């Protein structure tokens, strides 16, 4: 059995109207997987201008944890790291997509870091080893992370060929990524992916 099983329901209409898509990620027991990042990238790459999402590019440190645990940002974004705890924190990453270290800073202070390379950035704190967070840097506006029901909705795609990427830190695949080509048609599409987790 492969690590992923993909069931695709494509719309009958292939007109030029923008498409909308619902993707649900479940584990191999059928339980919803939260905070999986789903990306649809046009085969020719994104050429539609700056990418902006409906959430702030910020990863807070709160209750000795990175909040949210996974953040999706566009390539080139500057991410704010506000410290909302009463203790000092640092932020570092040794990931291929971004290697950096932000020195210790205190409550109600904020530091920022730019992410010019697409990929996954694993975060840590030098003082609190249990703190783990992830910044997923993407090259497409058609991206988001799954909710508590394992669902994400993507909208505004033109009909055509895309690359579907699903990422999760516990996925049993190289880099935690699954990729496959996907044809998108106008109207509504529904996809369900079963993901084997560590």
Protein backbone atom coordinates (compact mmCIF):
# COMPACT_ATOMS: atom_id res chain seq x y z
CA UNK A 1 0.00 0.00 0.00
CA UNK A 2 1.34 3.43 -0.88
CA UNK A 3 1.72 6.13 1.73
CA UNK A 4 -1.10 8.10 0.14
CA UNK A 5 -4.37 7.10 -1.48
CA UNK A 6 -6.08 9.84 -3.50
CA UNK A 7 -9.76 9.76 -4.41
CA UNK A 8 -10.65 12.51 -6.87
CA UNK A 9 -14.10 13.72 -7.87
CA UNK A 10 -13.61 16.12 -10.78
CA UNK A 11 -16.40 18.40 -12.02
CA UNK A 12 -17.98 17.69 -15.38
CA UNK A 13 -17.64 21.31 -16.51
CA UNK A 14 -14.26 22.54 -17.80
CA UNK A 15 -15.24 26.18 -18.49
CA UNK A 16 -13.00 29.15 -17.69
CA UNK A 17 -14.71 30.02 -14.37
CA UNK A 18 -12.44 29.81 -11.30
CA UNK A 19 -12.41 26.49 -9.53
CA UNK A 20 -12.93 25.73 -5.85
CA UNK A 21 -11.58 22.64 -4.18
CA UNK A 22 -12.01 20.89 -0.85
CA UNK A 23 -9.24 18.58 0.28
CA UNK A 24 -9.49 16.32 3.31
CA UNK A 25 -6.42 14.69 4.83
CA UNK A 26 -6.91 11.59 6.99
CA UNK A 27 -4.50 9.11 8.53
CA UNK A 28 -4.38 5.43 7.63
CA UNK A 29 -7.12 4.78 10.21
CA UNK A 30 -9.41 7.36 8.60
CA UNK A 31 -8.99 9.96 11.36
CA UNK A 32 -8.66 13.65 10.33
CA UNK A 33 -5.13 15.09 10.21
CA UNK A 34 -4.87 18.67 11.45
CA UNK A 35 -2.24 21.18 10.26
CA UNK A 36 -1.32 19.37 7.05
CA UNK A 37 -0.32 21.94 4.42
CA UNK A 38 -1.96 21.52 1.00
CA UNK A 39 -0.56 23.40 -2.01
CA UNK A 40 -1.65 23.61 -5.65
CA UNK A 41 1.03 25.04 -7.93
CA UNK A 42 0.32 25.74 -11.62
CA UNK A 43 2.53 23.63 -13.89
CA UNK A 44 4.01 26.80 -15.42
CA UNK A 45 4.55 28.33 -11.97
CA UNK A 46 2.65 31.20 -10.38
CA UNK A 47 2.74 34.35 -12.53
CA UNK A 48 -0.15 36.30 -11.03
CA UNK A 49 1.75 38.82 -8.91
CA UNK A 50 2.41 39.07 -5.16
CA UNK A 51 0.97 36.31 -2.99
CA UNK A 52 -1.07 37.37 0.04
CA UNK A 53 -2.92 35.16 2.49
CA UNK A 54 -5.81 36.01 4.80
CA UNK A 55 -3.78 35.48 7.97
CA UNK A 56 -0.89 37.38 9.55
CA UNK A 57 2.66 36.16 8.91
CA UNK A 58 3.34 35.77 12.62
CA UNK A 59 4.52 32.92 14.85
CA UNK A 60 4.05 33.81 18.51
CA UNK A 61 5.75 32.27 21.51
CA UNK A 62 2.99 31.63 24.03
CA UNK A 63 2.76 29.17 26.94
CA UNK A 64 6.26 27.95 25.99
CA UNK A 65 5.07 26.89 22.54
CA UNK A 66 5.11 28.23 19.00
CA UNK A 67 1.61 29.42 18.07
CA UNK A 68 0.40 28.43 15.55
CA UNK A 69 2.47 25.27 15.40
CA UNK A 70 2.47 25.45 11.60
CA UNK A 71 2.40 28.69 9.62
CA UNK A 72 2.00 29.00 5.83
CA UNK A 73 3.66 32.05 4.23
CA UNK A 74 4.54 33.18 0.72
CA UNK A 75 8.15 33.04 -0.43
CA UNK A 76 9.84 36.32 0.49
CA UNK A 77 7.57 37.02 3.47
CA UNK A 78 8.91 38.50 6.69
CA UNK A 79 7.54 36.58 9.68
CA UNK A 80 7.12 38.27 13.07
CA UNK A 81 8.03 36.30 16.21
CA UNK A 82 6.34 38.08 19.16
CA UNK A 83 7.20 36.79 22.64
CA UNK A 84 3.98 36.65 24.68
CA UNK A 85 5.55 34.67 27.55
CA UNK A 86 7.03 35.93 30.80
CA UNK A 87 10.29 34.08 30.01
CA UNK A 88 12.85 34.85 27.34
CA UNK A 89 12.99 32.90 24.09
CA UNK A 90 15.22 32.54 21.06
CA UNK A 91 14.31 31.27 17.59
CA UNK A 92 16.57 29.18 15.39
CA UNK A 93 16.46 26.89 12.38
CA UNK A 94 19.00 24.60 10.73
CA UNK A 95 16.65 23.81 7.83
CA UNK A 96 17.88 23.86 4.23
CA UNK A 97 15.25 26.46 3.30
CA UNK A 98 16.41 28.86 6.07
CA UNK A 99 19.32 28.75 8.49
CA UNK A 100 19.18 31.51 11.08
CA UNK A 101 19.35 32.29 14.80
CA UNK A 102 17.56 35.05 16.69
CA UNK A 103 19.13 35.70 20.10
CA UNK A 104 17.19 35.70 23.36
CA UNK A 105 14.53 38.39 23.80
CA UNK A 106 11.84 39.04 26.41
CA UNK A 107 8.12 39.47 26.95
CA UNK A 108 6.27 41.84 24.61
CA UNK A 109 9.27 42.07 22.32
CA UNK A 110 9.15 40.99 18.67
CA UNK A 111 11.78 39.88 16.21
CA UNK A 112 11.32 39.12 12.52
CA UNK A 113 12.92 36.93 9.88
CA UNK A 114 12.53 36.87 6.08
CA UNK A 115 12.06 33.61 4.17
CA UNK A 116 13.25 33.98 0.54
CA UNK A 117 13.39 30.24 -0.26
CA UNK A 118 10.36 27.93 -0.62
CA UNK A 119 10.31 24.82 1.56
CA UNK A 120 9.89 23.73 5.17
CA UNK A 121 11.56 25.57 8.03
CA UNK A 122 11.65 23.73 11.37
CA UNK A 123 11.89 26.09 14.36
CA UNK A 124 13.31 25.63 17.83
CA UNK A 125 14.23 27.60 20.95
CA UNK A 126 17.71 27.27 22.46
CA UNK A 127 16.33 27.53 26.00
CA UNK A 128 13.23 25.32 25.71
CA UNK A 129 14.01 22.11 23.83
CA UNK A 130 10.36 21.01 23.77
CA UNK A 131 9.35 23.97 21.59
CA UNK A 132 8.83 22.96 17.96
CA UNK A 133 7.24 24.92 15.17
CA UNK A 134 7.16 24.94 11.37
CA UNK A 135 7.03 27.63 8.70
CA UNK A 136 5.97 26.28 5.32
CA UNK A 137 7.13 28.71 2.63
CA UNK A 138 5.16 28.38 -0.63
CA UNK A 139 5.29 29.70 -4.21
CA UNK A 140 1.54 29.63 -4.84
CA UNK A 141 -1.51 31.50 -3.51
CA UNK A 142 -3.48 28.24 -3.58
CA UNK A 143 -2.29 26.91 -0.24
CA UNK A 144 -3.55 26.42 3.28
CA UNK A 145 -3.53 24.05 6.22
CA UNK A 146 -6.17 21.61 7.34
CA UNK A 147 -8.54 22.30 10.23
CA UNK A 148 -9.58 19.97 13.06
CA UNK A 149 -11.64 17.97 10.55
CA UNK A 150 -8.64 17.54 8.26
CA UNK A 151 -10.21 19.87 5.67
CA UNK A 152 -8.84 22.81 3.70
CA UNK A 153 -10.65 24.74 0.97
CA UNK A 154 -8.77 26.32 -1.93
CA UNK A 155 -10.41 28.76 -4.34
CA UNK A 156 -9.68 30.88 -7.39
CA UNK A 157 -7.75 28.39 -9.51
CA UNK A 158 -8.05 28.52 -13.29
CA UNK A 159 -8.72 25.24 -15.06
CA UNK A 160 -5.51 23.50 -16.08
CA UNK A 161 -2.61 21.39 -14.89
CA UNK A 162 -1.23 21.70 -11.36
CA UNK A 163 1.12 19.97 -8.97
CA UNK A 164 -0.55 18.94 -5.72
CA UNK A 165 1.75 18.91 -2.68
CA UNK A 166 0.77 17.76 0.80
CA UNK A 167 3.20 18.32 3.67
CA UNK A 168 3.05 17.23 7.30
CA UNK A 169 5.97 16.90 9.75
CA UNK A 170 4.97 13.32 10.61
CA UNK A 171 4.29 12.07 7.07
CA UNK A 172 6.23 8.90 6.19
CA UNK A 173 7.71 10.34 3.01
CA UNK A 174 10.98 12.10 2.17
CA UNK A 175 10.76 15.62 3.55
CA UNK A 176 7.24 14.88 4.78
CA UNK A 177 5.95 15.65 1.26
CA UNK A 178 3.63 13.93 -1.17
CA UNK A 179 3.46 15.29 -4.74
CA UNK A 180 1.43 14.36 -7.77
CA UNK A 181 0.08 16.00 -10.94
CA UNK A 182 -3.54 17.10 -10.80
CA UNK A 183 -5.90 18.39 -13.49
CA UNK A 184 -8.21 21.11 -12.16
CA UNK A 185 -11.52 21.89 -13.83
CA UNK A 186 -13.97 24.74 -13.28
CA UNK A 187 -16.53 24.39 -10.51
CA UNK A 188 -16.20 22.30 -7.38
CA UNK A 189 -13.73 19.48 -6.77
CA UNK A 190 -13.39 17.14 -3.81
CA UNK A 191 -10.29 15.20 -2.83
CA UNK A 192 -9.49 12.84 0.02
CA UNK A 193 -5.95 11.79 0.86
CA UNK A 194 -4.99 9.05 3.31
CA UNK A 195 -1.64 9.76 4.90
CA UNK A 196 0.55 7.38 6.86
CA UNK A 197 2.04 9.13 9.88
CA UNK A 198 4.98 8.28 12.10
